[in-house]
Amino acid sequence: MNVMTDTTDNAPVLDLLARITADSMAASTLDPQSLMLVRVAALVAVDAPPVSYALNLEAASDVGLDVEAIRGVLTAITPIVGTARIAAATGNIFRALSAELDLEELEIADLEDELEDDDDDS
C-alpha cells in the first residue's frame, strides 16, 4: 500500500504525519477504506485544518475512495456533528484540494522551466 511513505528532507513534519497515517492503517483491524472513512469523520469531529484533510484525502484516494464516499460520510455524520461543523469541514476540504492543485501547477511549471533550460543548453 502506497500511503505517502516517501520521505523528503524538505518537509519533516509532513513526513512524520504521513508515517503516522501509514502506521495507523497497518495497525488497524478495519479494512483500508473503512479506516479512511472513519478518519474523515474524525477530522470533521475535531474541526481539523485543511492540511489534515489533504493528507487523509490523499490516503483515501490511494485506497480507492472517491468523492461520493466522502460525501456519504459527511451526510451520515451531519445529524451528530451538526450543519455548522459540516460546512466548516467542506470549506477545509475545498481549501485542501485547492492548495494541492496549486502545488501541482507549481510543480508542472517548475518541470516546464527545467525542460526549457535543458533545451536552451542544447
PDB file of N, CA and C in Angstrom:
ATOM      1  N   MET A   1       0.840  -1.171   0.000  1.00  0.00           N
ATOM      2  CA  MET A   1       0.000   0.000   0.000  1.00  0.00           C
ATOM      3  C   MET A   1       0.886   1.236   0.000  1.00  0.00           C
ATOM      4  N   ASN A   2       0.630   2.163  -0.896  1.00  0.00           N
ATOM      5  CA  ASN A   2       1.443   3.366  -1.033  1.00  0.00           C
ATOM      6  C   ASN A   2       0.713   4.538  -0.400  1.00  0.00           C
ATOM      7  N   VAL A   3       0.837   4.685   0.900  1.00  0.00           N
ATOM      8  CA  VAL A   3       0.155   5.770   1.599  1.00  0.00           C
ATOM      9  C   VAL A   3       1.188   6.779   2.050  1.00  0.00           C
ATOM     10  N   MET A   4       1.618   7.586   1.111  1.00  0.00           N
ATOM     11  CA  MET A   4       2.506   8.697   1.399  1.00  0.00           C
ATOM     12  C   MET A   4       3.706   8.286   2.253  1.00  0.00           C
ATOM     13  N   THR A   5       4.386   7.237   1.882  1.00  0.00           N
ATOM     14  CA  THR A   5       5.518   6.788   2.676  1.00  0.00           C
ATOM     15  C   THR A   5       6.846   7.316   2.158  1.00  0.00           C
ATOM     16  N   ASP A   6       6.828   8.023   1.032  1.00  0.00           N
ATOM     17  CA  ASP A   6       8.053   8.641   0.533  1.00  0.00           C
ATOM     18  C   ASP A   6       8.430   9.783   1.462  1.00  0.00           C
ATOM     19  N   THR A   7       9.712   9.912   1.759  1.00  0.00           N
ATOM     20  CA  THR A   7      10.137  10.984   2.650  1.00  0.00           C
ATOM     21  C   THR A   7      11.007  11.975   1.898  1.00  0.00           C
ATOM     22  N   THR A   8      10.958  13.204   2.384  1.00  0.00           N
ATOM     23  CA  THR A   8      11.806  14.246   1.826  1.00  0.00           C
ATOM     24  C   THR A   8      12.427  15.002   2.980  1.00  0.00           C
ATOM     25  N   ASP A   9      13.577  15.600   2.729  1.00  0.00           N
ATOM     26  CA  ASP A   9      14.225  16.403   3.759  1.00  0.00           C
ATOM     27  C   ASP A   9      13.570  17.770   3.900  1.00  0.00           C
ATOM     28  N   ASN A  10      12.740  18.151   2.931  1.00  0.00           N
ATOM     29  CA  ASN A  10      12.138  19.478   2.928  1.00  0.00           C
ATOM     30  C   ASN A  10      10.903  19.588   3.811  1.00  0.00           C
ATOM     31  N   ALA A  11      10.294  18.491   4.195  1.00  0.00           N
ATOM     32  CA  ALA A  11       9.048  18.542   4.954  1.00  0.00           C
ATOM     33  C   ALA A  11       9.024  17.472   6.041  1.00  0.00           C
ATOM     34  N   PRO A  12       9.884  17.591   7.061  1.00  0.00           N
ATOM     35  CA  PRO A  12       9.962  16.524   8.067  1.00  0.00           C
ATOM     36  C   PRO A  12       8.665  16.328   8.852  1.00  0.00           C
ATOM     37  N   VAL A  13       7.930  17.401   9.113  1.00  0.00           N
ATOM     38  CA  VAL A  13       6.670  17.252   9.859  1.00  0.00           C
ATOM     39  C   VAL A  13       5.642  16.527   9.011  1.00  0.00           C
ATOM     40  N   LEU A  14       5.536  16.902   7.737  1.00  0.00           N
ATOM     41  CA  LEU A  14       4.602  16.210   6.852  1.00  0.00           C
ATOM     42  C   LEU A  14       5.004  14.756   6.673  1.00  0.00           C
ATOM     43  N   ASP A  15       6.303  14.500   6.618  1.00  0.00           N
ATOM     44  CA  ASP A  15       6.781  13.117   6.525  1.00  0.00           C
ATOM     45  C   ASP A  15       6.374  12.319   7.756  1.00  0.00           C
ATOM     46  N   LEU A  16       6.501  12.935   8.913  1.00  0.00           N
ATOM     47  CA  LEU A  16       6.096  12.269  10.152  1.00  0.00           C
ATOM     48  C   LEU A  16       4.605  11.958  10.134  1.00  0.00           C
ATOM     49  N   LEU A  17       3.807  12.925   9.727  1.00  0.00           N
ATOM     50  CA  LEU A  17       2.362  12.711   9.654  1.00  0.00           C
ATOM     51  C   LEU A  17       2.010  11.604   8.663  1.00  0.00           C
ATOM     52  N   ALA A  18       2.718  11.556   7.553  1.00  0.00           N
ATOM     53  CA  ALA A  18       2.485  10.502   6.571  1.00  0.00           C
ATOM     54  C   ALA A  18       2.824   9.132   7.148  1.00  0.00           C
ATOM     55  N   ARG A  19       3.940   9.062   7.899  1.00  0.00           N
ATOM     56  CA  ARG A  19       4.311   7.779   8.523  1.00  0.00           C
ATOM     57  C   ARG A  19       3.290   7.356   9.568  1.00  0.00           C
ATOM     58  N   ILE A  20       2.793   8.320  10.345  1.00  0.00           N
ATOM     59  CA  ILE A  20       1.778   8.009  11.352  1.00  0.00           C
ATOM     60  C   ILE A  20       0.520   7.471  10.675  1.00  0.00           C
ATOM     61  N   THR A  21       0.135   8.094   9.572  1.00  0.00           N
ATOM     62  CA  THR A  21      -1.043   7.626   8.827  1.00  0.00           C
ATOM     63  C   THR A  21      -0.819   6.206   8.326  1.00  0.00           C
ATOM     64  N   ALA A  22       0.336   5.951   7.744  1.00  0.00           N
ATOM     65  CA  ALA A  22       0.642   4.611   7.237  1.00  0.00           C
ATOM     66  C   ALA A  22       0.664   3.590   8.373  1.00  0.00           C
ATOM     67  N   ASP A  23       1.264   3.945   9.512  1.00  0.00           N
ATOM     68  CA  ASP A  23       1.316   3.033  10.662  1.00  0.00           C
ATOM     69  C   ASP A  23      -0.085   2.751  11.190  1.00  0.00           C
ATOM     70  N   SER A  24      -0.933   3.771  11.227  1.00  0.00           N
ATOM     71  CA  SER A  24      -2.310   3.595  11.684  1.00  0.00           C
ATOM     72  C   SER A  24      -3.055   2.627  10.783  1.00  0.00           C
ATOM     73  N   MET A  25      -2.842   2.771   9.485  1.00  0.00           N
ATOM     74  CA  MET A  25      -3.516   1.873   8.549  1.00  0.00           C
ATOM     75  C   MET A  25      -3.026   0.437   8.714  1.00  0.00           C
ATOM     76  N   ALA A  26      -1.733   0.287   8.951  1.00  0.00           N
ATOM     77  CA  ALA A  26      -1.175  -1.055   9.110  1.00  0.00           C
ATOM     78  C   ALA A  26      -1.641  -1.715  10.406  1.00  0.00           C
ATOM     79  N   ALA A  27      -1.843  -0.926  11.456  1.00  0.00           N
ATOM     80  CA  ALA A  27      -2.205  -1.479  12.762  1.00  0.00           C
ATOM     81  C   ALA A  27      -3.706  -1.705  12.937  1.00  0.00           C
ATOM     82  N   SER A  28      -4.515  -1.057  12.135  1.00  0.00           N
ATOM     83  CA  SER A  28      -5.966  -1.144  12.312  1.00  0.00           C
ATOM     84  C   SER A  28      -6.507  -2.492  11.851  1.00  0.00           C
ATOM     85  N   THR A  29      -7.569  -2.925  12.500  1.00  0.00           N
ATOM     86  CA  THR A  29      -8.257  -4.141  12.072  1.00  0.00           C
ATOM     87  C   THR A  29      -9.329  -3.838  11.030  1.00  0.00           C
ATOM     88  N   LEU A  30      -9.571  -2.555  10.766  1.00  0.00           N
ATOM     89  CA  LEU A  30     -10.529  -2.176   9.732  1.00  0.00           C
ATOM     90  C   LEU A  30      -9.899  -2.334   8.358  1.00  0.00           C
ATOM     91  N   ASP A  31     -10.739  -2.575   7.368  1.00  0.00           N
ATOM     92  CA  ASP A  31     -10.210  -2.571   6.006  1.00  0.00           C
ATOM     93  C   ASP A  31      -9.812  -1.129   5.664  1.00  0.00           C
ATOM     94  N   PRO A  32      -8.885  -0.947   4.735  1.00  0.00           N
ATOM     95  CA  PRO A  32      -8.361   0.399   4.460  1.00  0.00           C
ATOM     96  C   PRO A  32      -9.427   1.440   4.122  1.00  0.00           C
ATOM     97  N   GLN A  33     -10.438   1.058   3.355  1.00  0.00           N
ATOM     98  CA  GLN A  33     -11.477   2.034   3.006  1.00  0.00           C
ATOM     99  C   GLN A  33     -12.290   2.445   4.227  1.00  0.00           C
ATOM    100  N   SER A  34     -12.675   1.484   5.045  1.00  0.00           N
ATOM    101  CA  SER A  34     -13.433   1.811   6.260  1.00  0.00           C
ATOM    102  C   SER A  34     -12.611   2.694   7.186  1.00  0.00           C
ATOM    103  N   LEU A  35     -11.333   2.366   7.321  1.00  0.00           N
ATOM    104  CA  LEU A  35     -10.456   3.161   8.174  1.00  0.00           C
ATOM    105  C   LEU A  35     -10.405   4.611   7.707  1.00  0.00           C
ATOM    106  N   MET A  36     -10.267   4.824   6.407  1.00  0.00           N
ATOM    107  CA  MET A  36     -10.184   6.190   5.907  1.00  0.00           C
ATOM    108  C   MET A  36     -11.514   6.926   6.069  1.00  0.00           C
ATOM    109  N   LEU A  37     -12.630   6.233   5.931  1.00  0.00           N
ATOM    110  CA  LEU A  37     -13.929   6.865   6.157  1.00  0.00           C
ATOM    111  C   LEU A  37     -14.070   7.297   7.616  1.00  0.00           C
ATOM    112  N   VAL A  38     -13.614   6.449   8.523  1.00  0.00           N
ATOM    113  CA  VAL A  38     -13.645   6.786   9.951  1.00  0.00           C
ATOM    114  C   VAL A  38     -12.736   7.983  10.221  1.00  0.00           C
ATOM    115  N   ARG A  39     -11.575   7.997   9.606  1.00  0.00           N
ATOM    116  CA  ARG A  39     -10.647   9.117   9.800  1.00  0.00           C
ATOM    117  C   ARG A  39     -11.241  10.436   9.311  1.00  0.00           C
ATOM    118  N   VAL A  40     -11.919  10.405   8.168  1.00  0.00           N
ATOM    119  CA  VAL A  40     -12.559  11.623   7.667  1.00  0.00           C
ATOM    120  C   VAL A  40     -13.629  12.091   8.650  1.00  0.00           C
ATOM    121  N   ALA A  41     -14.401  11.169   9.170  1.00  0.00           N
ATOM    122  CA  ALA A  41     -15.418  11.534  10.161  1.00  0.00           C
ATOM    123  C   ALA A  41     -14.770  12.146  11.401  1.00  0.00           C
ATOM    124  N   ALA A  42     -13.662  11.583  11.831  1.00  0.00           N
ATOM    125  CA  ALA A  42     -12.956  12.125  12.995  1.00  0.00           C
ATOM    126  C   ALA A  42     -12.403  13.519  12.712  1.00  0.00           C
ATOM    127  N   LEU A  43     -11.910  13.746  11.503  1.00  0.00           N
ATOM    128  CA  LEU A  43     -11.415  15.077  11.141  1.00  0.00           C
ATOM    129  C   LEU A  43     -12.528  16.118  11.274  1.00  0.00           C
ATOM    130  N   VAL A  44     -13.703  15.753  10.812  1.00  0.00           N
ATOM    131  CA  VAL A  44     -14.842  16.665  10.928  1.00  0.00           C
ATOM    132  C   VAL A  44     -15.140  16.926  12.400  1.00  0.00           C
ATOM    133  N   ALA A  45     -15.146  15.875  13.198  1.00  0.00           N
ATOM    134  CA  ALA A  45     -15.499  15.993  14.618  1.00  0.00           C
ATOM    135  C   ALA A  45     -14.546  16.897  15.389  1.00  0.00           C
ATOM    136  N   VAL A  46     -13.270  16.914  14.991  1.00  0.00           N
ATOM    137  CA  VAL A  46     -12.295  17.738  15.715  1.00  0.00           C
ATOM    138  C   VAL A  46     -12.027  19.073  15.028  1.00  0.00           C
ATOM    139  N   ASP A  47     -12.790  19.374  13.980  1.00  0.00           N
ATOM    140  CA  ASP A  47     -12.630  20.629  13.238  1.00  0.00           C
ATOM    141  C   ASP A  47     -11.198  20.786  12.726  1.00  0.00           C
ATOM    142  N   ALA A  48     -10.752  19.760  12.018  1.00  0.00           N
ATOM    143  CA  ALA A  48      -9.377  19.698  11.531  1.00  0.00           C
ATOM    144  C   ALA A  48      -9.083  20.778  10.490  1.00  0.00           C
ATOM    145  N   PRO A  49      -7.827  21.198  10.406  1.00  0.00           N
ATOM    146  CA  PRO A  49      -7.421  22.193   9.406  1.00  0.00           C
ATOM    147  C   PRO A  49      -7.278  21.540   8.019  1.00  0.00           C
ATOM    148  N   PRO A  50      -7.193  22.366   6.981  1.00  0.00           N
ATOM    149  CA  PRO A  50      -7.084  21.830   5.616  1.00  0.00           C
ATOM    150  C   PRO A  50      -5.941  20.844   5.401  1.00  0.00           C
ATOM    151  N   VAL A  51      -4.781  21.072   6.010  1.00  0.00           N
ATOM    152  CA  VAL A  51      -3.652  20.165   5.780  1.00  0.00           C
ATOM    153  C   VAL A  51      -3.981  18.748   6.259  1.00  0.00           C
ATOM    154  N   SER A  52      -4.752  18.623   7.322  1.00  0.00           N
ATOM    155  CA  SER A  52      -5.148  17.290   7.787  1.00  0.00           C
ATOM    156  C   SER A  52      -6.026  16.599   6.757  1.00  0.00           C
ATOM    157  N   TYR A  53      -6.936  17.358   6.170  1.00  0.00           N
ATOM    158  CA  TYR A  53      -7.772  16.786   5.117  1.00  0.00           C
ATOM    159  C   TYR A  53      -6.924  16.394   3.914  1.00  0.00           C
ATOM    160  N   ALA A  54      -5.964  17.238   3.550  1.00  0.00           N
ATOM    161  CA  ALA A  54      -5.123  16.940   2.387  1.00  0.00           C
ATOM    162  C   ALA A  54      -4.404  15.606   2.566  1.00  0.00           C
ATOM    163  N   LEU A  55      -3.799  15.413   3.726  1.00  0.00           N
ATOM    164  CA  LEU A  55      -3.075  14.162   3.983  1.00  0.00           C
ATOM    165  C   LEU A  55      -4.002  12.956   3.940  1.00  0.00           C
ATOM    166  N   ASN A  56      -5.148  13.085   4.578  1.00  0.00           N
ATOM    167  CA  ASN A  56      -6.053  11.945   4.665  1.00  0.00           C
ATOM    168  C   ASN A  56      -6.821  11.695   3.378  1.00  0.00           C
ATOM    169  N   LEU A  57      -7.145  12.740   2.639  1.00  0.00           N
ATOM    170  CA  LEU A  57      -7.830  12.533   1.365  1.00  0.00           C
ATOM    171  C   LEU A  57      -6.906  11.888   0.343  1.00  0.00           C
ATOM    172  N   GLU A  58      -5.622  12.212   0.415  1.00  0.00           N
ATOM    173  CA  GLU A  58      -4.660  11.545  -0.469  1.00  0.00           C
ATOM    174  C   GLU A  58      -4.604  10.051  -0.131  1.00  0.00           C
ATOM    175  N   ALA A  59      -4.538   9.735   1.155  1.00  0.00           N
ATOM    176  CA  ALA A  59      -4.521   8.329   1.571  1.00  0.00           C
ATOM    177  C   ALA A  59      -5.834   7.643   1.199  1.00  0.00           C
ATOM    178  N   ALA A  60      -6.962   8.353   1.348  1.00  0.00           N
ATOM    179  CA  ALA A  60      -8.268   7.791   0.983  1.00  0.00           C
ATOM    180  C   ALA A  60      -8.311   7.477  -0.510  1.00  0.00           C
ATOM    181  N   SER A  61      -7.774   8.369  -1.306  1.00  0.00           N
ATOM    182  CA  SER A  61      -7.720   8.141  -2.748  1.00  0.00           C
ATOM    183  C   SER A  61      -6.847   6.939  -3.073  1.00  0.00           C
ATOM    184  N   ASP A  62      -5.738   6.795  -2.351  1.00  0.00           N
ATOM    185  CA  ASP A  62      -4.829   5.670  -2.566  1.00  0.00           C
ATOM    186  C   ASP A  62      -5.507   4.327  -2.330  1.00  0.00           C
ATOM    187  N   VAL A  63      -6.515   4.294  -1.434  1.00  0.00           N
ATOM    188  CA  VAL A  63      -7.207   3.032  -1.155  1.00  0.00           C
ATOM    189  C   VAL A  63      -8.514   2.904  -1.932  1.00  0.00           C
ATOM    190  N   GLY A  64      -8.727   3.820  -2.881  1.00  0.00           N
ATOM    191  CA  GLY A  64      -9.867   3.673  -3.784  1.00  0.00           C
ATOM    192  C   GLY A  64     -11.131   4.424  -3.427  1.00  0.00           C
ATOM    193  N   LEU A  65     -11.076   5.291  -2.426  1.00  0.00           N
ATOM    194  CA  LEU A  65     -12.269   6.067  -2.087  1.00  0.00           C
ATOM    195  C   LEU A  65     -12.407   7.244  -3.039  1.00  0.00           C
ATOM    196  N   ASP A  66     -13.646   7.585  -3.353  1.00  0.00           N
ATOM    197  CA  ASP A  66     -13.896   8.702  -4.253  1.00  0.00           C
ATOM    198  C   ASP A  66     -14.734   9.771  -3.547  1.00  0.00           C
ATOM    199  N   VAL A  67     -15.075  10.790  -4.287  1.00  0.00           N
ATOM    200  CA  VAL A  67     -15.833  11.920  -3.746  1.00  0.00           C
ATOM    201  C   VAL A  67     -17.166  11.461  -3.165  1.00  0.00           C
ATOM    202  N   GLU A  68     -17.808  10.523  -3.826  1.00  0.00           N
ATOM    203  CA  GLU A  68     -19.113  10.043  -3.346  1.00  0.00           C
ATOM    204  C   GLU A  68     -19.005   9.399  -1.966  1.00  0.00           C
ATOM    205  N   ALA A  69     -17.940   8.672  -1.726  1.00  0.00           N
ATOM    206  CA  ALA A  69     -17.749   8.043  -0.418  1.00  0.00           C
ATOM    207  C   ALA A  69     -17.558   9.094   0.667  1.00  0.00           C
ATOM    208  N   ILE A  70     -16.760  10.120   0.365  1.00  0.00           N
ATOM    209  CA  ILE A  70     -16.534  11.194   1.340  1.00  0.00           C
ATOM    210  C   ILE A  70     -17.833  11.947   1.584  1.00  0.00           C
ATOM    211  N   ARG A  71     -18.565  12.232   0.508  1.00  0.00           N
ATOM    212  CA  ARG A  71     -19.866  12.896   0.643  1.00  0.00           C
ATOM    213  C   ARG A  71     -20.806  12.052   1.505  1.00  0.00           C
ATOM    214  N   GLY A  72     -20.753  10.738   1.330  1.00  0.00           N
ATOM    215  CA  GLY A  72     -21.589   9.840   2.125  1.00  0.00           C
ATOM    216  C   GLY A  72     -21.277   9.933   3.612  1.00  0.00           C
ATOM    217  N   VAL A  73     -19.989  10.029   3.952  1.00  0.00           N
ATOM    218  CA  VAL A  73     -19.592  10.189   5.355  1.00  0.00           C
ATOM    219  C   VAL A  73     -20.125  11.501   5.901  1.00  0.00           C
ATOM    220  N   LEU A  74     -19.952  12.577   5.150  1.00  0.00           N
ATOM    221  CA  LEU A  74     -20.429  13.881   5.623  1.00  0.00           C
ATOM    222  C   LEU A  74     -21.933  13.866   5.849  1.00  0.00           C
ATOM    223  N   THR A  75     -22.654  13.236   4.949  1.00  0.00           N
ATOM    224  CA  THR A  75     -24.110  13.130   5.093  1.00  0.00           C
ATOM    225  C   THR A  75     -24.477  12.299   6.318  1.00  0.00           C
ATOM    226  N   ALA A  76     -23.764  11.197   6.517  1.00  0.00           N
ATOM    227  CA  ALA A  76     -24.072  10.300   7.636  1.00  0.00           C
ATOM    228  C   ALA A  76     -23.834  10.944   8.993  1.00  0.00           C
ATOM    229  N   ILE A  77     -22.807  11.783   9.106  1.00  0.00           N
ATOM    230  CA  ILE A  77     -22.474  12.337  10.422  1.00  0.00           C
ATOM    231  C   ILE A  77     -23.108  13.700  10.695  1.00  0.00           C
ATOM    232  N   THR A  78     -23.756  14.290   9.694  1.00  0.00           N
ATOM    233  CA  THR A  78     -24.379  15.603   9.890  1.00  0.00           C
ATOM    234  C   THR A  78     -25.314  15.653  11.091  1.00  0.00           C
ATOM    235  N   PRO A  79     -26.188  14.663  11.300  1.00  0.00           N
ATOM    236  CA  PRO A  79     -27.077  14.747  12.476  1.00  0.00           C
ATOM    237  C   PRO A  79     -26.330  14.712  13.814  1.00  0.00           C
ATOM    238  N   ILE A  80     -25.126  14.147  13.816  1.00  0.00           N
ATOM    239  CA  ILE A  80     -24.345  14.042  15.045  1.00  0.00           C
ATOM    240  C   ILE A  80     -23.520  15.299  15.292  1.00  0.00           C
ATOM    241  N   VAL A  81     -22.791  15.759  14.273  1.00  0.00           N
ATOM    242  CA  VAL A  81     -21.871  16.884  14.463  1.00  0.00           C
ATOM    243  C   VAL A  81     -22.500  18.240  14.156  1.00  0.00           C
ATOM    244  N   GLY A  82     -23.576  18.247  13.393  1.00  0.00           N
ATOM    245  CA  GLY A  82     -24.270  19.492  13.078  1.00  0.00           C
ATOM    246  C   GLY A  82     -23.865  20.097  11.744  1.00  0.00           C
ATOM    247  N   THR A  83     -24.746  20.931  11.238  1.00  0.00           N
ATOM    248  CA  THR A  83     -24.522  21.511   9.923  1.00  0.00           C
ATOM    249  C   THR A  83     -23.371  22.505   9.911  1.00  0.00           C
ATOM    250  N   ALA A  84     -23.164  23.225  10.998  1.00  0.00           N
ATOM    251  CA  ALA A  84     -22.057  24.193  11.035  1.00  0.00           C
ATOM    252  C   ALA A  84     -20.718  23.479  10.913  1.00  0.00           C
ATOM    253  N   ARG A  85     -20.570  22.354  11.583  1.00  0.00           N
ATOM    254  CA  ARG A  85     -19.313  21.597  11.514  1.00  0.00           C
ATOM    255  C   ARG A  85     -19.123  21.020  10.110  1.00  0.00           C
ATOM    256  N   ILE A  86     -20.196  20.577   9.478  1.00  0.00           N
ATOM    257  CA  ILE A  86     -20.108  20.041   8.113  1.00  0.00           C
ATOM    258  C   ILE A  86     -19.729  21.155   7.137  1.00  0.00           C
ATOM    259  N   ALA A  87     -20.324  22.338   7.318  1.00  0.00           N
ATOM    260  CA  ALA A  87     -19.987  23.473   6.445  1.00  0.00           C
ATOM    261  C   ALA A  87     -18.511  23.837   6.605  1.00  0.00           C
ATOM    262  N   ALA A  88     -18.020  23.856   7.830  1.00  0.00           N
ATOM    263  CA  ALA A  88     -16.605  24.155   8.066  1.00  0.00           C
ATOM    264  C   ALA A  88     -15.719  23.086   7.436  1.00  0.00           C
ATOM    265  N   ALA A  89     -16.098  21.835   7.596  1.00  0.00           N
ATOM    266  CA  ALA A  89     -15.314  20.736   7.021  1.00  0.00           C
ATOM    267  C   ALA A  89     -15.290  20.828   5.500  1.00  0.00           C
ATOM    268  N   THR A  90     -16.429  21.127   4.914  1.00  0.00           N
ATOM    269  CA  THR A  90     -16.495  21.247   3.459  1.00  0.00           C
ATOM    270  C   THR A  90     -15.572  22.366   2.980  1.00  0.00           C
ATOM    271  N   GLY A  91     -15.562  23.488   3.689  1.00  0.00           N
ATOM    272  CA  GLY A  91     -14.654  24.580   3.344  1.00  0.00           C
ATOM    273  C   GLY A  91     -13.201  24.173   3.473  1.00  0.00           C
ATOM    274  N   ASN A  92     -12.871  23.444   4.538  1.00  0.00           N
ATOM    275  CA  ASN A  92     -11.492  22.986   4.735  1.00  0.00           C
ATOM    276  C   ASN A  92     -11.079  21.966   3.679  1.00  0.00           C
ATOM    277  N   ILE A  93     -12.010  21.106   3.291  1.00  0.00           N
ATOM    278  CA  ILE A  93     -11.720  20.141   2.221  1.00  0.00           C
ATOM    279  C   ILE A  93     -11.464  20.893   0.914  1.00  0.00           C
ATOM    280  N   PHE A  94     -12.301  21.883   0.636  1.00  0.00           N
ATOM    281  CA  PHE A  94     -12.121  22.681  -0.576  1.00  0.00           C
ATOM    282  C   PHE A  94     -10.761  23.376  -0.571  1.00  0.00           C
ATOM    283  N   ARG A  95     -10.399  23.972   0.572  1.00  0.00           N
ATOM    284  CA  ARG A  95      -9.100  24.646   0.671  1.00  0.00           C
ATOM    285  C   ARG A  95      -7.953  23.646   0.497  1.00  0.00           C
ATOM    286  N   ALA A  96      -8.094  22.462   1.067  1.00  0.00           N
ATOM    287  CA  ALA A  96      -7.045  21.438   0.933  1.00  0.00           C
ATOM    288  C   ALA A  96      -6.874  21.033  -0.522  1.00  0.00           C
ATOM    289  N   LEU A  97      -7.986  20.797  -1.208  1.00  0.00           N
ATOM    290  CA  LEU A  97      -7.901  20.387  -2.606  1.00  0.00           C
ATOM    291  C   LEU A  97      -7.378  21.516  -3.484  1.00  0.00           C
ATOM    292  N   SER A  98      -7.776  22.747  -3.195  1.00  0.00           N
ATOM    293  CA  SER A  98      -7.283  23.901  -3.948  1.00  0.00           C
ATOM    294  C   SER A  98      -5.781  24.067  -3.771  1.00  0.00           C
ATOM    295  N   ALA A  99      -5.303  23.896  -2.542  1.00  0.00           N
ATOM    296  CA  ALA A  99      -3.872  24.015  -2.273  1.00  0.00           C
ATOM    297  C   ALA A  99      -3.097  22.934  -3.013  1.00  0.00           C
ATOM    298  N   GLU A 100      -3.638  21.723  -3.052  1.00  0.00           N
ATOM    299  CA  GLU A 100      -2.962  20.640  -3.774  1.00  0.00           C
ATOM    300  C   GLU A 100      -2.898  20.938  -5.265  1.00  0.00           C
ATOM    301  N   LEU A 101      -3.983  21.485  -5.809  1.00  0.00           N
ATOM    302  CA  LEU A 101      -3.977  21.847  -7.226  1.00  0.00           C
ATOM    303  C   LEU A 101      -2.942  22.938  -7.497  1.00  0.00           C
ATOM    304  N   ASP A 102      -2.866  23.920  -6.597  1.00  0.00           N
ATOM    305  CA  ASP A 102      -1.868  24.980  -6.744  1.00  0.00           C
ATOM    306  C   ASP A 102      -0.453  24.402  -6.715  1.00  0.00           C
ATOM    307  N   LEU A 103      -0.205  23.460  -5.801  1.00  0.00           N
ATOM    308  CA  LEU A 103       1.120  22.831  -5.718  1.00  0.00           C
ATOM    309  C   LEU A 103       1.442  22.041  -6.979  1.00  0.00           C
ATOM    310  N   GLU A 104       0.442  21.331  -7.504  1.00  0.00           N
ATOM    311  CA  GLU A 104       0.665  20.574  -8.730  1.00  0.00           C
ATOM    312  C   GLU A 104       0.995  21.517  -9.882  1.00  0.00           C
ATOM    313  N   GLU A 105       0.292  22.646  -9.957  1.00  0.00           N
ATOM    314  CA  GLU A 105       0.568  23.621 -11.013  1.00  0.00           C
ATOM    315  C   GLU A 105       1.982  24.169 -10.883  1.00  0.00           C
ATOM    316  N   LEU A 106       2.426  24.430  -9.635  1.00  0.00           N
ATOM    317  CA  LEU A 106       3.792  24.910  -9.426  1.00  0.00           C
ATOM    318  C   LEU A 106       4.818  23.862  -9.839  1.00  0.00           C
ATOM    319  N   GLU A 107       4.545  22.604  -9.495  1.00  0.00           N
ATOM    320  CA  GLU A 107       5.461  21.530  -9.857  1.00  0.00           C
ATOM    321  C   GLU A 107       5.544  21.390 -11.371  1.00  0.00           C
ATOM    322  N   ILE A 108       4.408  21.509 -12.051  1.00  0.00           N
ATOM    323  CA  ILE A 108       4.394  21.417 -13.516  1.00  0.00           C
ATOM    324  C   ILE A 108       5.167  22.590 -14.115  1.00  0.00           C
ATOM    325  N   ALA A 109       4.950  23.792 -13.571  1.00  0.00           N
ATOM    326  CA  ALA A 109       5.668  24.970 -14.063  1.00  0.00           C
ATOM    327  C   ALA A 109       7.171  24.812 -13.857  1.00  0.00           C
ATOM    328  N   ASP A 110       7.571  24.292 -12.691  1.00  0.00           N
ATOM    329  CA  ASP A 110       8.999  24.063 -12.429  1.00  0.00           C
ATOM    330  C   ASP A 110       9.577  23.056 -13.410  1.00  0.00           C
ATOM    331  N   LEU A 111       8.828  22.003 -13.670  1.00  0.00           N
ATOM    332  CA  LEU A 111       9.283  20.980 -14.608  1.00  0.00           C
ATOM    333  C   LEU A 111       9.401  21.564 -16.009  1.00  0.00           C
ATOM    334  N   GLU A 112       8.427  22.370 -16.413  1.00  0.00           N
ATOM    335  CA  GLU A 112       8.487  23.008 -17.730  1.00  0.00           C
ATOM    336  C   GLU A 112       9.694  23.934 -17.821  1.00  0.00           C
ATOM    337  N   ASP A 113       9.969  24.687 -16.746  1.00  0.00           N
ATOM    338  CA  ASP A 113      11.146  25.566 -16.724  1.00  0.00           C
ATOM    339  C   ASP A 113      12.429  24.764 -16.870  1.00  0.00           C
ATOM    340  N   GLU A 114      12.503  23.637 -16.180  1.00  0.00           N
ATOM    341  CA  GLU A 114      13.691  22.788 -16.272  1.00  0.00           C
ATOM    342  C   GLU A 114      13.869  22.261 -17.686  1.00  0.00           C
ATOM    343  N   LEU A 115      12.760  21.845 -18.300  1.00  0.00           N
ATOM    344  CA  LEU A 115      12.837  21.339 -19.669  1.00  0.00           C
ATOM    345  C   LEU A 115      13.279  22.432 -20.637  1.00  0.00           C
ATOM    346  N   GLU A 116      12.759  23.648 -20.438  1.00  0.00           N
ATOM    347  CA  GLU A 116      13.160  24.766 -21.292  1.00  0.00           C
ATOM    348  C   GLU A 116      14.644  25.077 -21.092  1.00  0.00           C
ATOM    349  N   ASP A 117      15.111  25.041 -19.841  1.00  0.00           N
ATOM    350  CA  ASP A 117      16.525  25.288 -19.568  1.00  0.00           C
ATOM    351  C   ASP A 117      17.400  24.230 -20.250  1.00  0.00           C
ATOM    352  N   ASP A 118      16.937  22.972 -20.217  1.00  0.00           N
ATOM    353  CA  ASP A 118      17.681  21.896 -20.874  1.00  0.00           C
ATOM    354  C   ASP A 118      17.720  22.117 -22.372  1.00  0.00           C
ATOM    355  N   ASP A 119      16.600  22.569 -22.955  1.00  0.00           N
ATOM    356  CA  ASP A 119      16.553  22.849 -24.391  1.00  0.00           C
ATOM    357  C   ASP A 119      17.470  23.998 -24.758  1.00  0.00           C
ATOM    358  N   ASP A 120      17.527  25.015 -23.899  1.00  0.00           N
ATOM    359  CA  ASP A 120      18.403  26.158 -24.158  1.00  0.00           C
ATOM    360  C   ASP A 120      19.882  25.785 -24.089  1.00  0.00           C
ATOM    361  N   ASP A 121      20.189  24.811 -23.230  1.00  0.00           N
ATOM    362  CA  ASP A 121      21.579  24.368 -23.087  1.00  0.00           C
ATOM    363  C   ASP A 121      22.027  23.498 -24.247  1.00  0.00           C
ATOM    364  N   SER A 122      21.085  22.955 -24.997  1.00  0.00           N
ATOM    365  CA  SER A 122      21.422  22.028 -26.095  1.00  0.00           C
ATOM    366  C   SER A 122      21.947  22.739 -27.306  1.00  0.00           C
TER     367      SER A 122
END
